[in-house]
Amino acid sequence: MLPLNRFACACLLFGSTLFGADSKAPSSTSSHPAKEAAIASPWPGGRVDTWYGFVRHRFAVEGATAWVVEPRQVAPGKPWTWCLEFPDAFTERTGVSSLLEQGFHHVHLEVGNTFGCPRAQEQFDAFYQVLRRGGLGPKAALIGISRGGLYAYRWAARHPERVACIYGDAPVCDFKSWPGGKGKGKGSAGDWTQLQRHYGFTTEVEALAFTGNPVDQLAPLAKAKVRLIHVVGDTDEVVPVAENTALIESRYRALGGRIQVIHKPGIGHHPHGLDDPAPVAAFIRSALETAGH
């Protein structure tokens, strides 16, 4: 898992119990401005650089840095993926690069280590409105890596009509498991304290009684026919499958929802993604086509 300040990621490579400095990808970005793109851009101000060879626009939304990566040739309907956390971690293993090549936009809003809290949800709402004004399609393909599962699922439950699918990669689906550490997982005491502060809980008892975790909010997603795909390492001791993805899978199927889980035998929390992420990219593309973008 990654902390609030993305520029401090390198310092946490060995210090975080859930996620190292996976968001640091120094070779993926360039500060070279793309002036022509900036002139024609529908995005509000900010600066332009490149991300994995694609033009990226960076600008402010609700006090957070937003960015939109543009494909070289936009696909019909302007489909898009939104990595809520962590957009620079194991990128080549998530299928995002392939989707950019196929005409998808890719976006992110830097709300930091806030665990999908209520304030972050408000910022996501504002970002979505900016994206729609910029011409992107009405439904997103959400990506939540590790603790990003909290961000993605909580926003999807808030606005299921805006989501075609969710790709969770070793996703946290119940914060009692991580960072709470109330099950078999390692937990993270420091992150658990931060989470309670961001959510406004006054006691741990209040946090443990919370019913807004992803595992608790699946009915709206099933009703809206949001498709789910998870990629998990079967020996993950940080975000145990049994306490997170397995609960999502069983409960979502019981609600009539569609979910696919790709298991990686003998793999722990890292590395995220797949050696060949083509199945994930195909799933996302299919889900958006079915949803009509």
C-alpha atoms as a PDB file:
ATOM      1  CA  MET A   1       0.000   0.000   0.000  1.00  0.00           C
ATOM      2  CA  LEU A   2       1.143   3.541  -0.655  1.00  0.00           C
ATOM      3  CA  PRO A   3       1.093   6.597   1.622  1.00  0.00           C
ATOM      4  CA  LEU A   4      -0.427  10.043   1.033  1.00  0.00           C
ATOM      5  CA  ASN A   5       2.576  11.720  -0.479  1.00  0.00           C
ATOM      6  CA  ARG A   6       3.316   9.985  -3.758  1.00  0.00           C
ATOM      7  CA  PHE A   7       6.739  11.644  -3.898  1.00  0.00           C
ATOM      8  CA  ALA A   8       7.640   9.836  -0.663  1.00  0.00           C
ATOM      9  CA  CYS A   9       6.892   6.412  -2.097  1.00  0.00           C
ATOM     10  CA  ALA A  10      10.530   5.426  -2.454  1.00  0.00           C
ATOM     11  CA  CYS A  11      11.004   5.819   1.266  1.00  0.00           C
ATOM     12  CA  LEU A  12       8.323   3.223   1.929  1.00  0.00           C
ATOM     13  CA  LEU A  13       9.642   0.422  -0.232  1.00  0.00           C
ATOM     14  CA  PHE A  14      10.405  -1.667   2.840  1.00  0.00           C
ATOM     15  CA  GLY A  15       8.560   0.317   5.486  1.00  0.00           C
ATOM     16  CA  SER A  16       4.933  -0.301   4.569  1.00  0.00           C
ATOM     17  CA  THR A  17       3.365  -3.582   5.622  1.00  0.00           C
ATOM     18  CA  LEU A  18       0.864  -3.576   2.797  1.00  0.00           C
ATOM     19  CA  PHE A  19       2.345  -1.830  -0.215  1.00  0.00           C
ATOM     20  CA  GLY A  20       5.819  -0.708  -1.111  1.00  0.00           C
ATOM     21  CA  ALA A  21       6.933   2.028  -3.458  1.00  0.00           C
ATOM     22  CA  ASP A  22       5.076   0.444  -6.343  1.00  0.00           C
ATOM     23  CA  SER A  23       3.799   3.809  -7.484  1.00  0.00           C
ATOM     24  CA  LYS A  24       7.300   5.006  -8.274  1.00  0.00           C
ATOM     25  CA  ALA A  25       7.936   4.545 -11.976  1.00  0.00           C
ATOM     26  CA  PRO A  26      10.681   7.007 -12.869  1.00  0.00           C
ATOM     27  CA  SER A  27      11.007   5.784 -16.440  1.00  0.00           C
ATOM     28  CA  SER A  28       7.297   6.116 -17.185  1.00  0.00           C
ATOM     29  CA  THR A  29       6.954   9.885 -17.242  1.00  0.00           C
ATOM     30  CA  SER A  30       8.560  12.812 -19.006  1.00  0.00           C
ATOM     31  CA  SER A  31       8.410  16.512 -18.302  1.00  0.00           C
ATOM     32  CA  HIS A  32       8.489  17.376 -22.006  1.00  0.00           C
ATOM     33  CA  PRO A  33       5.402  19.500 -22.705  1.00  0.00           C
ATOM     34  CA  ALA A  34       3.066  18.625 -25.521  1.00  0.00           C
ATOM     35  CA  LYS A  35       2.047  22.113 -26.571  1.00  0.00           C
ATOM     36  CA  GLU A  36      -0.207  21.133 -29.426  1.00  0.00           C
ATOM     37  CA  ALA A  37      -2.193  18.805 -27.184  1.00  0.00           C
ATOM     38  CA  ALA A  38      -2.472  21.467 -24.503  1.00  0.00           C
ATOM     39  CA  ILE A  39      -3.945  23.973 -26.951  1.00  0.00           C
ATOM     40  CA  ALA A  40      -6.636  21.540 -28.074  1.00  0.00           C
ATOM     41  CA  SER A  41      -7.223  20.060 -24.641  1.00  0.00           C
ATOM     42  CA  PRO A  42     -10.665  19.952 -23.034  1.00  0.00           C
ATOM     43  CA  TRP A  43      -8.999  19.720 -19.619  1.00  0.00           C
ATOM     44  CA  PRO A  44      -8.799  22.755 -17.327  1.00  0.00           C
ATOM     45  CA  GLY A  45      -5.376  24.418 -17.334  1.00  0.00           C
ATOM     46  CA  GLY A  46      -2.533  22.642 -15.601  1.00  0.00           C
ATOM     47  CA  ARG A  47       0.509  21.232 -17.338  1.00  0.00           C
ATOM     48  CA  VAL A  48       1.206  18.563 -19.905  1.00  0.00           C
ATOM     49  CA  ASP A  49       3.801  15.789 -19.771  1.00  0.00           C
ATOM     50  CA  THR A  50       3.965  12.181 -20.934  1.00  0.00           C
ATOM     51  CA  TRP A  51       3.111   8.926 -19.183  1.00  0.00           C
ATOM     52  CA  TYR A  52       4.405   5.683 -20.678  1.00  0.00           C
ATOM     53  CA  GLY A  53       4.738   7.499 -23.981  1.00  0.00           C
ATOM     54  CA  PHE A  54       1.229   8.985 -23.977  1.00  0.00           C
ATOM     55  CA  VAL A  55       0.235  12.633 -23.489  1.00  0.00           C
ATOM     56  CA  ARG A  56      -0.874  13.341 -19.923  1.00  0.00           C
ATOM     57  CA  HIS A  57      -2.726  16.424 -18.685  1.00  0.00           C
ATOM     58  CA  ARG A  58      -2.353  17.377 -15.018  1.00  0.00           C
ATOM     59  CA  PHE A  59      -4.670  19.861 -13.314  1.00  0.00           C
ATOM     60  CA  ALA A  60      -6.357  20.584  -9.980  1.00  0.00           C
ATOM     61  CA  VAL A  61      -9.757  19.272  -8.876  1.00  0.00           C
ATOM     62  CA  GLU A  62     -11.134  19.891  -5.389  1.00  0.00           C
ATOM     63  CA  GLY A  63      -7.688  20.478  -3.928  1.00  0.00           C
ATOM     64  CA  ALA A  64      -6.193  17.334  -5.476  1.00  0.00           C
ATOM     65  CA  THR A  65      -4.026  16.791  -8.535  1.00  0.00           C
ATOM     66  CA  ALA A  66      -5.933  15.137 -11.347  1.00  0.00           C
ATOM     67  CA  TRP A  67      -4.525  13.638 -14.479  1.00  0.00           C
ATOM     68  CA  VAL A  68      -5.863  12.370 -17.766  1.00  0.00           C
ATOM     69  CA  VAL A  69      -3.782  10.279 -20.159  1.00  0.00           C
ATOM     70  CA  GLU A  70      -4.862  10.478 -23.796  1.00  0.00           C
ATOM     71  CA  PRO A  71      -4.605   7.656 -26.334  1.00  0.00           C
ATOM     72  CA  ARG A  72      -3.005   8.438 -29.667  1.00  0.00           C
ATOM     73  CA  GLN A  73      -6.272   7.688 -31.412  1.00  0.00           C
ATOM     74  CA  VAL A  74      -9.498   7.852 -29.408  1.00  0.00           C
ATOM     75  CA  ALA A  75     -11.813   4.849 -29.577  1.00  0.00           C
ATOM     76  CA  PRO A  76     -15.502   5.387 -30.410  1.00  0.00           C
ATOM     77  CA  GLY A  77     -17.500   6.435 -27.356  1.00  0.00           C
ATOM     78  CA  LYS A  78     -14.355   7.609 -25.556  1.00  0.00           C
ATOM     79  CA  PRO A  79     -14.025   4.653 -23.131  1.00  0.00           C
ATOM     80  CA  TRP A  80     -11.805   5.127 -20.097  1.00  0.00           C
ATOM     81  CA  THR A  81     -10.161   3.407 -17.179  1.00  0.00           C
ATOM     82  CA  TRP A  82      -9.767   5.017 -13.777  1.00  0.00           C
ATOM     83  CA  CYS A  83      -7.103   3.691 -11.431  1.00  0.00           C
ATOM     84  CA  LEU A  84      -8.136   5.027  -8.060  1.00  0.00           C
ATOM     85  CA  GLU A  85      -4.955   3.652  -6.466  1.00  0.00           C
ATOM     86  CA  PHE A  86      -2.089   2.940  -7.374  1.00  0.00           C
ATOM     87  CA  PRO A  87      -1.703   4.143 -10.976  1.00  0.00           C
ATOM     88  CA  ASP A  88       2.080   3.814 -11.203  1.00  0.00           C
ATOM     89  CA  ALA A  89       2.385   0.373  -9.645  1.00  0.00           C
ATOM     90  CA  PHE A  90       3.040  -2.627 -11.903  1.00  0.00           C
ATOM     91  CA  THR A  91       1.427  -0.694 -14.746  1.00  0.00           C
ATOM     92  CA  GLU A  92       2.581  -3.031 -17.531  1.00  0.00           C
ATOM     93  CA  ARG A  93       0.983  -5.944 -15.644  1.00  0.00           C
ATOM     94  CA  THR A  94      -2.494  -4.410 -15.353  1.00  0.00           C
ATOM     95  CA  GLY A  95      -3.543  -4.094 -19.002  1.00  0.00           C
ATOM     96  CA  VAL A  96      -3.748  -0.304 -18.895  1.00  0.00           C
ATOM     97  CA  SER A  97      -1.015   0.211 -21.501  1.00  0.00           C
ATOM     98  CA  SER A  98      -2.768  -2.147 -23.889  1.00  0.00           C
ATOM     99  CA  LEU A  99      -6.064  -0.319 -23.454  1.00  0.00           C
ATOM    100  CA  LEU A 100      -4.392   3.026 -24.129  1.00  0.00           C
ATOM    101  CA  GLU A 101      -3.093   1.561 -27.371  1.00  0.00           C
ATOM    102  CA  GLN A 102      -6.663   0.533 -28.163  1.00  0.00           C
ATOM    103  CA  GLY A 103      -7.987   4.072 -27.726  1.00  0.00           C
ATOM    104  CA  PHE A 104      -8.947   4.210 -24.055  1.00  0.00           C
ATOM    105  CA  HIS A 105      -8.250   7.244 -21.889  1.00  0.00           C
ATOM    106  CA  HIS A 106      -6.730   6.567 -18.463  1.00  0.00           C
ATOM    107  CA  VAL A 107      -7.296   8.821 -15.453  1.00  0.00           C
ATOM    108  CA  HIS A 108      -6.383   9.293 -11.799  1.00  0.00           C
ATOM    109  CA  LEU A 109      -7.078  11.710  -8.941  1.00  0.00           C
ATOM    110  CA  GLU A 110      -4.394  11.977  -6.262  1.00  0.00           C
ATOM    111  CA  VAL A 111      -6.303  11.877  -2.970  1.00  0.00           C
ATOM    112  CA  GLY A 112      -3.472  10.097  -1.200  1.00  0.00           C
ATOM    113  CA  ASN A 113      -3.635   7.652   1.665  1.00  0.00           C
ATOM    114  CA  THR A 114      -7.241   8.392   2.612  1.00  0.00           C
ATOM    115  CA  PHE A 115      -8.703   4.885   2.322  1.00  0.00           C
ATOM    116  CA  GLY A 116     -11.750   5.827   0.248  1.00  0.00           C
ATOM    117  CA  CYS A 117     -13.071   8.045   3.051  1.00  0.00           C
ATOM    118  CA  PRO A 118     -16.123  10.329   2.669  1.00  0.00           C
ATOM    119  CA  ARG A 119     -14.047  13.382   1.703  1.00  0.00           C
ATOM    120  CA  ALA A 120     -12.267  11.395  -1.012  1.00  0.00           C
ATOM    121  CA  GLN A 121     -15.639  10.294  -2.359  1.00  0.00           C
ATOM    122  CA  GLU A 122     -16.658  13.939  -2.741  1.00  0.00           C
ATOM    123  CA  GLN A 123     -13.448  14.642  -4.627  1.00  0.00           C
ATOM    124  CA  PHE A 124     -14.099  11.660  -6.898  1.00  0.00           C
ATOM    125  CA  ASP A 125     -17.577  13.013  -7.618  1.00  0.00           C
ATOM    126  CA  ALA A 126     -16.142  16.369  -8.688  1.00  0.00           C
ATOM    127  CA  PHE A 127     -13.517  14.655 -10.852  1.00  0.00           C
ATOM    128  CA  TYR A 128     -16.148  12.564 -12.603  1.00  0.00           C
ATOM    129  CA  GLN A 129     -18.035  15.726 -13.554  1.00  0.00           C
ATOM    130  CA  VAL A 130     -14.847  17.204 -15.029  1.00  0.00           C
ATOM    131  CA  LEU A 131     -14.277  14.025 -17.026  1.00  0.00           C
ATOM    132  CA  ARG A 132     -17.798  14.070 -18.412  1.00  0.00           C
ATOM    133  CA  ARG A 133     -17.501  17.722 -19.384  1.00  0.00           C
ATOM    134  CA  GLY A 134     -14.272  16.755 -21.125  1.00  0.00           C
ATOM    135  CA  GLY A 135     -16.210  14.306 -23.274  1.00  0.00           C
ATOM    136  CA  LEU A 136     -15.384  10.920 -21.761  1.00  0.00           C
ATOM    137  CA  GLY A 137     -18.057   8.228 -21.804  1.00  0.00           C
ATOM    138  CA  PRO A 138     -20.654   7.965 -19.015  1.00  0.00           C
ATOM    139  CA  LYS A 139     -19.328   4.728 -17.510  1.00  0.00           C
ATOM    140  CA  ALA A 140     -15.888   4.026 -16.119  1.00  0.00           C
ATOM    141  CA  ALA A 141     -13.812   0.903 -15.734  1.00  0.00           C
ATOM    142  CA  LEU A 142     -12.494   1.262 -12.192  1.00  0.00           C
ATOM    143  CA  ILE A 143      -9.176  -0.187 -11.068  1.00  0.00           C
ATOM    144  CA  GLY A 144      -8.341  -0.652  -7.390  1.00  0.00           C
ATOM    145  CA  ILE A 145      -4.952  -2.064  -6.482  1.00  0.00           C
ATOM    146  CA  SER A 146      -4.458  -3.181  -2.874  1.00  0.00           C
ATOM    147  CA  ARG A 147      -6.036  -0.513  -0.631  1.00  0.00           C
ATOM    148  CA  GLY A 148      -7.355   0.980  -3.838  1.00  0.00           C
ATOM    149  CA  GLY A 149     -10.138  -1.589  -3.522  1.00  0.00           C
ATOM    150  CA  LEU A 150     -11.654   0.565  -0.781  1.00  0.00           C
ATOM    151  CA  TYR A 151     -11.585   3.617  -3.027  1.00  0.00           C
ATOM    152  CA  ALA A 152     -13.029   1.864  -6.085  1.00  0.00           C
ATOM    153  CA  TYR A 153     -15.779  -0.155  -4.460  1.00  0.00           C
ATOM    154  CA  ARG A 154     -17.003   2.621  -2.217  1.00  0.00           C
ATOM    155  CA  TRP A 155     -17.298   5.065  -5.122  1.00  0.00           C
ATOM    156  CA  ALA A 156     -18.964   2.419  -7.290  1.00  0.00           C
ATOM    157  CA  ALA A 157     -21.552   1.697  -4.598  1.00  0.00           C
ATOM    158  CA  ARG A 158     -22.200   5.431  -4.383  1.00  0.00           C
ATOM    159  CA  HIS A 159     -22.708   5.717  -8.163  1.00  0.00           C
ATOM    160  CA  PRO A 160     -23.276   2.262  -9.697  1.00  0.00           C
ATOM    161  CA  GLU A 161     -24.829   3.829 -12.788  1.00  0.00           C
ATOM    162  CA  ARG A 162     -21.462   5.403 -13.589  1.00  0.00           C
ATOM    163  CA  VAL A 163     -19.486   2.149 -13.503  1.00  0.00           C
ATOM    164  CA  ALA A 164     -19.225  -0.622 -16.093  1.00  0.00           C
ATOM    165  CA  CYS A 165     -16.787  -2.832 -14.200  1.00  0.00           C
ATOM    166  CA  ILE A 166     -14.276  -3.018 -11.378  1.00  0.00           C
ATOM    167  CA  TYR A 167     -10.859  -4.633 -11.640  1.00  0.00           C
ATOM    168  CA  GLY A 168      -9.562  -5.346  -8.147  1.00  0.00           C
ATOM    169  CA  ASP A 169      -5.972  -6.479  -7.791  1.00  0.00           C
ATOM    170  CA  ALA A 170      -5.314  -8.005  -4.364  1.00  0.00           C
ATOM    171  CA  PRO A 171      -7.934  -5.484  -3.264  1.00  0.00           C
ATOM    172  CA  VAL A 172      -8.785  -4.526   0.285  1.00  0.00           C
ATOM    173  CA  CYS A 173     -12.517  -5.200   0.558  1.00  0.00           C
ATOM    174  CA  ASP A 174     -12.936  -4.881   4.313  1.00  0.00           C
ATOM    175  CA  PHE A 175     -10.804  -2.476   6.324  1.00  0.00           C
ATOM    176  CA  LYS A 176     -11.212  -4.648   9.411  1.00  0.00           C
ATOM    177  CA  SER A 177      -8.922  -7.101   7.592  1.00  0.00           C
ATOM    178  CA  TRP A 178      -6.474  -4.418   6.472  1.00  0.00           C
ATOM    179  CA  PRO A 179      -5.348  -2.126   7.977  1.00  0.00           C
ATOM    180  CA  GLY A 180      -7.348  -3.220  11.029  1.00  0.00           C
ATOM    181  CA  GLY A 181      -5.631  -6.592  11.238  1.00  0.00           C
ATOM    182  CA  LYS A 182      -8.653  -8.088  12.982  1.00  0.00           C
ATOM    183  CA  GLY A 183      -8.448 -11.344  11.043  1.00  0.00           C
ATOM    184  CA  LYS A 184      -5.478 -13.436   9.971  1.00  0.00           C
ATOM    185  CA  GLY A 185      -3.749 -10.657   8.052  1.00  0.00           C
ATOM    186  CA  LYS A 186      -0.813  -8.604   9.296  1.00  0.00           C
ATOM    187  CA  GLY A 187      -2.652  -5.304   9.483  1.00  0.00           C
ATOM    188  CA  SER A 188      -0.959  -1.953   9.932  1.00  0.00           C
ATOM    189  CA  ALA A 189      -1.377  -0.108  13.207  1.00  0.00           C
ATOM    190  CA  GLY A 190      -0.324   3.254  11.801  1.00  0.00           C
ATOM    191  CA  ASP A 191      -2.655   3.019   8.825  1.00  0.00           C
ATOM    192  CA  TRP A 192      -5.485   1.830  11.074  1.00  0.00           C
ATOM    193  CA  THR A 193      -5.124   4.979  13.164  1.00  0.00           C
ATOM    194  CA  GLN A 194      -5.043   7.148  10.032  1.00  0.00           C
ATOM    195  CA  LEU A 195      -8.109   5.452   8.603  1.00  0.00           C
ATOM    196  CA  GLN A 196     -10.138   6.110  11.722  1.00  0.00           C
ATOM    197  CA  ARG A 197      -9.144   9.766  11.586  1.00  0.00           C
ATOM    198  CA  HIS A 198     -10.034  10.140   7.897  1.00  0.00           C
ATOM    199  CA  TYR A 199     -13.424   8.517   8.404  1.00  0.00           C
ATOM    200  CA  GLY A 200     -14.149  10.552  11.510  1.00  0.00           C
ATOM    201  CA  PHE A 201     -14.514   7.586  13.841  1.00  0.00           C
ATOM    202  CA  THR A 202     -14.162   8.569  17.474  1.00  0.00           C
ATOM    203  CA  THR A 203     -13.436   5.057  18.739  1.00  0.00           C
ATOM    204  CA  GLU A 204     -12.217   1.769  17.304  1.00  0.00           C
ATOM    205  CA  VAL A 205     -15.553   0.245  18.293  1.00  0.00           C
ATOM    206  CA  GLU A 206     -17.241   2.672  15.903  1.00  0.00           C
ATOM    207  CA  ALA A 207     -14.844   1.710  13.126  1.00  0.00           C
ATOM    208  CA  LEU A 208     -15.446  -1.998  13.654  1.00  0.00           C
ATOM    209  CA  ALA A 209     -19.219  -1.470  13.532  1.00  0.00           C
ATOM    210  CA  PHE A 210     -19.039   0.400  10.205  1.00  0.00           C
ATOM    211  CA  THR A 211     -21.206  -1.130   7.462  1.00  0.00           C
ATOM    212  CA  GLY A 212     -19.845   0.775   4.484  1.00  0.00           C
ATOM    213  CA  ASN A 213     -17.028  -1.560   3.485  1.00  0.00           C
ATOM    214  CA  PRO A 214     -17.001  -3.019  -0.055  1.00  0.00           C
ATOM    215  CA  VAL A 215     -18.167  -6.399   1.294  1.00  0.00           C
ATOM    216  CA  ASP A 216     -21.243  -4.628   2.706  1.00  0.00           C
ATOM    217  CA  GLN A 217     -22.195  -2.611  -0.372  1.00  0.00           C
ATOM    218  CA  LEU A 218     -22.566  -5.086  -3.204  1.00  0.00           C
ATOM    219  CA  ALA A 219     -26.328  -5.013  -3.758  1.00  0.00           C
ATOM    220  CA  PRO A 220     -26.341  -1.712  -5.719  1.00  0.00           C
ATOM    221  CA  LEU A 221     -23.567  -3.041  -7.975  1.00  0.00           C
ATOM    222  CA  ALA A 222     -25.368  -6.306  -8.687  1.00  0.00           C
ATOM    223  CA  LYS A 223     -28.595  -4.457  -9.438  1.00  0.00           C
ATOM    224  CA  ALA A 224     -26.736  -2.209 -11.915  1.00  0.00           C
ATOM    225  CA  LYS A 225     -25.041  -5.279 -13.464  1.00  0.00           C
ATOM    226  CA  VAL A 226     -21.543  -3.996 -12.742  1.00  0.00           C
ATOM    227  CA  ARG A 227     -19.080  -6.707 -13.711  1.00  0.00           C
ATOM    228  CA  LEU A 228     -16.186  -7.594 -11.397  1.00  0.00           C
ATOM    229  CA  ILE A 229     -12.782  -9.147 -11.979  1.00  0.00           C
ATOM    230  CA  HIS A 230     -10.195  -9.776  -9.264  1.00  0.00           C
ATOM    231  CA  VAL A 231      -6.602 -10.925  -9.534  1.00  0.00           C
ATOM    232  CA  VAL A 232      -5.249 -12.386  -6.303  1.00  0.00           C
ATOM    233  CA  GLY A 233      -2.193 -14.171  -4.960  1.00  0.00           C
ATOM    234  CA  ASP A 234      -3.366 -17.225  -3.068  1.00  0.00           C
ATOM    235  CA  THR A 235      -0.700 -16.885  -0.362  1.00  0.00           C
ATOM    236  CA  ASP A 236      -1.328 -13.182   0.293  1.00  0.00           C
ATOM    237  CA  GLU A 237      -0.706 -12.634   4.024  1.00  0.00           C
ATOM    238  CA  VAL A 238      -1.296  -8.893   3.891  1.00  0.00           C
ATOM    239  CA  VAL A 239      -4.740  -8.793   2.286  1.00  0.00           C
ATOM    240  CA  PRO A 240      -5.876 -12.398   2.831  1.00  0.00           C
ATOM    241  CA  VAL A 241      -8.085 -13.703   0.048  1.00  0.00           C
ATOM    242  CA  ALA A 242     -10.492 -15.349   2.500  1.00  0.00           C
ATOM    243  CA  GLU A 243     -11.200 -12.064   4.263  1.00  0.00           C
ATOM    244  CA  ASN A 244     -11.517  -9.943   1.147  1.00  0.00           C
ATOM    245  CA  THR A 245     -11.954 -11.295  -2.391  1.00  0.00           C
ATOM    246  CA  ALA A 246     -13.561 -14.583  -1.301  1.00  0.00           C
ATOM    247  CA  LEU A 247     -16.255 -12.652   0.564  1.00  0.00           C
ATOM    248  CA  ILE A 248     -16.886 -10.415  -2.431  1.00  0.00           C
ATOM    249  CA  GLU A 249     -17.078 -13.442  -4.723  1.00  0.00           C
ATOM    250  CA  SER A 250     -19.544 -15.455  -2.639  1.00  0.00           C
ATOM    251  CA  ARG A 251     -21.774 -12.514  -1.772  1.00  0.00           C
ATOM    252  CA  TYR A 252     -21.821 -11.089  -5.298  1.00  0.00           C
ATOM    253  CA  ARG A 253     -22.745 -14.426  -6.832  1.00  0.00           C
ATOM    254  CA  ALA A 254     -25.525 -14.800  -4.257  1.00  0.00           C
ATOM    255  CA  LEU A 255     -26.873 -11.439  -5.427  1.00  0.00           C
ATOM    256  CA  GLY A 256     -26.821 -12.606  -9.032  1.00  0.00           C
ATOM    257  CA  GLY A 257     -23.771 -10.532  -9.939  1.00  0.00           C
ATOM    258  CA  ARG A 258     -21.047 -11.534 -12.393  1.00  0.00           C
ATOM    259  CA  ILE A 259     -17.520 -11.893 -11.045  1.00  0.00           C
ATOM    260  CA  GLN A 260     -14.368 -13.561 -12.333  1.00  0.00           C
ATOM    261  CA  VAL A 261     -11.429 -14.311 -10.029  1.00  0.00           C
ATOM    262  CA  ILE A 262      -7.971 -15.092 -11.394  1.00  0.00           C
ATOM    263  CA  HIS A 263      -5.850 -16.917  -8.827  1.00  0.00           C
ATOM    264  CA  LYS A 264      -2.064 -16.898  -8.751  1.00  0.00           C
ATOM    265  CA  PRO A 265      -0.933 -20.045  -6.886  1.00  0.00           C
ATOM    266  CA  GLY A 266       2.052 -19.582  -4.614  1.00  0.00           C
ATOM    267  CA  ILE A 267       2.024 -15.777  -5.003  1.00  0.00           C
ATOM    268  CA  GLY A 268       1.634 -13.314  -2.138  1.00  0.00           C
ATOM    269  CA  HIS A 269       0.544  -9.685  -2.196  1.00  0.00           C
ATOM    270  CA  HIS A 270       3.193  -8.818  -4.782  1.00  0.00           C
ATOM    271  CA  PRO A 271       3.667  -8.629  -7.651  1.00  0.00           C
ATOM    272  CA  HIS A 272       0.340  -7.164  -8.651  1.00  0.00           C
ATOM    273  CA  GLY A 273      -1.146  -7.855 -12.054  1.00  0.00           C
ATOM    274  CA  LEU A 274      -0.359 -10.689 -14.446  1.00  0.00           C
ATOM    275  CA  ASP A 275       2.623 -11.681 -16.531  1.00  0.00           C
ATOM    276  CA  ASP A 276       0.210 -11.440 -19.455  1.00  0.00           C
ATOM    277  CA  PRO A 277      -2.567  -8.979 -18.590  1.00  0.00           C
ATOM    278  CA  ALA A 278      -4.466  -9.627 -21.820  1.00  0.00           C
ATOM    279  CA  PRO A 279      -7.360 -11.369 -19.994  1.00  0.00           C
ATOM    280  CA  VAL A 280      -7.893  -8.308 -17.797  1.00  0.00           C
ATOM    281  CA  ALA A 281      -7.752  -5.906 -20.735  1.00  0.00           C
ATOM    282  CA  ALA A 282     -10.211  -8.073 -22.674  1.00  0.00           C
ATOM    283  CA  PHE A 283     -12.554  -8.195 -19.679  1.00  0.00           C
ATOM    284  CA  ILE A 284     -12.538  -4.413 -19.315  1.00  0.00           C
ATOM    285  CA  ARG A 285     -13.072  -3.868 -23.026  1.00  0.00           C
ATOM    286  CA  SER A 286     -15.971  -6.347 -23.067  1.00  0.00           C
ATOM    287  CA  ALA A 287     -17.601  -4.833 -19.981  1.00  0.00           C
ATOM    288  CA  LEU A 288     -17.526  -1.339 -21.456  1.00  0.00           C
ATOM    289  CA  GLU A 289     -18.856  -2.545 -24.794  1.00  0.00           C
ATOM    290  CA  THR A 290     -21.701  -4.353 -23.042  1.00  0.00           C
ATOM    291  CA  ALA A 291     -22.484  -1.290 -20.947  1.00  0.00           C
ATOM    292  CA  GLY A 292     -22.392   0.946 -24.009  1.00  0.00           C
ATOM    293  CA  HIS A 293     -19.492   2.933 -22.499  1.00  0.00           C
END
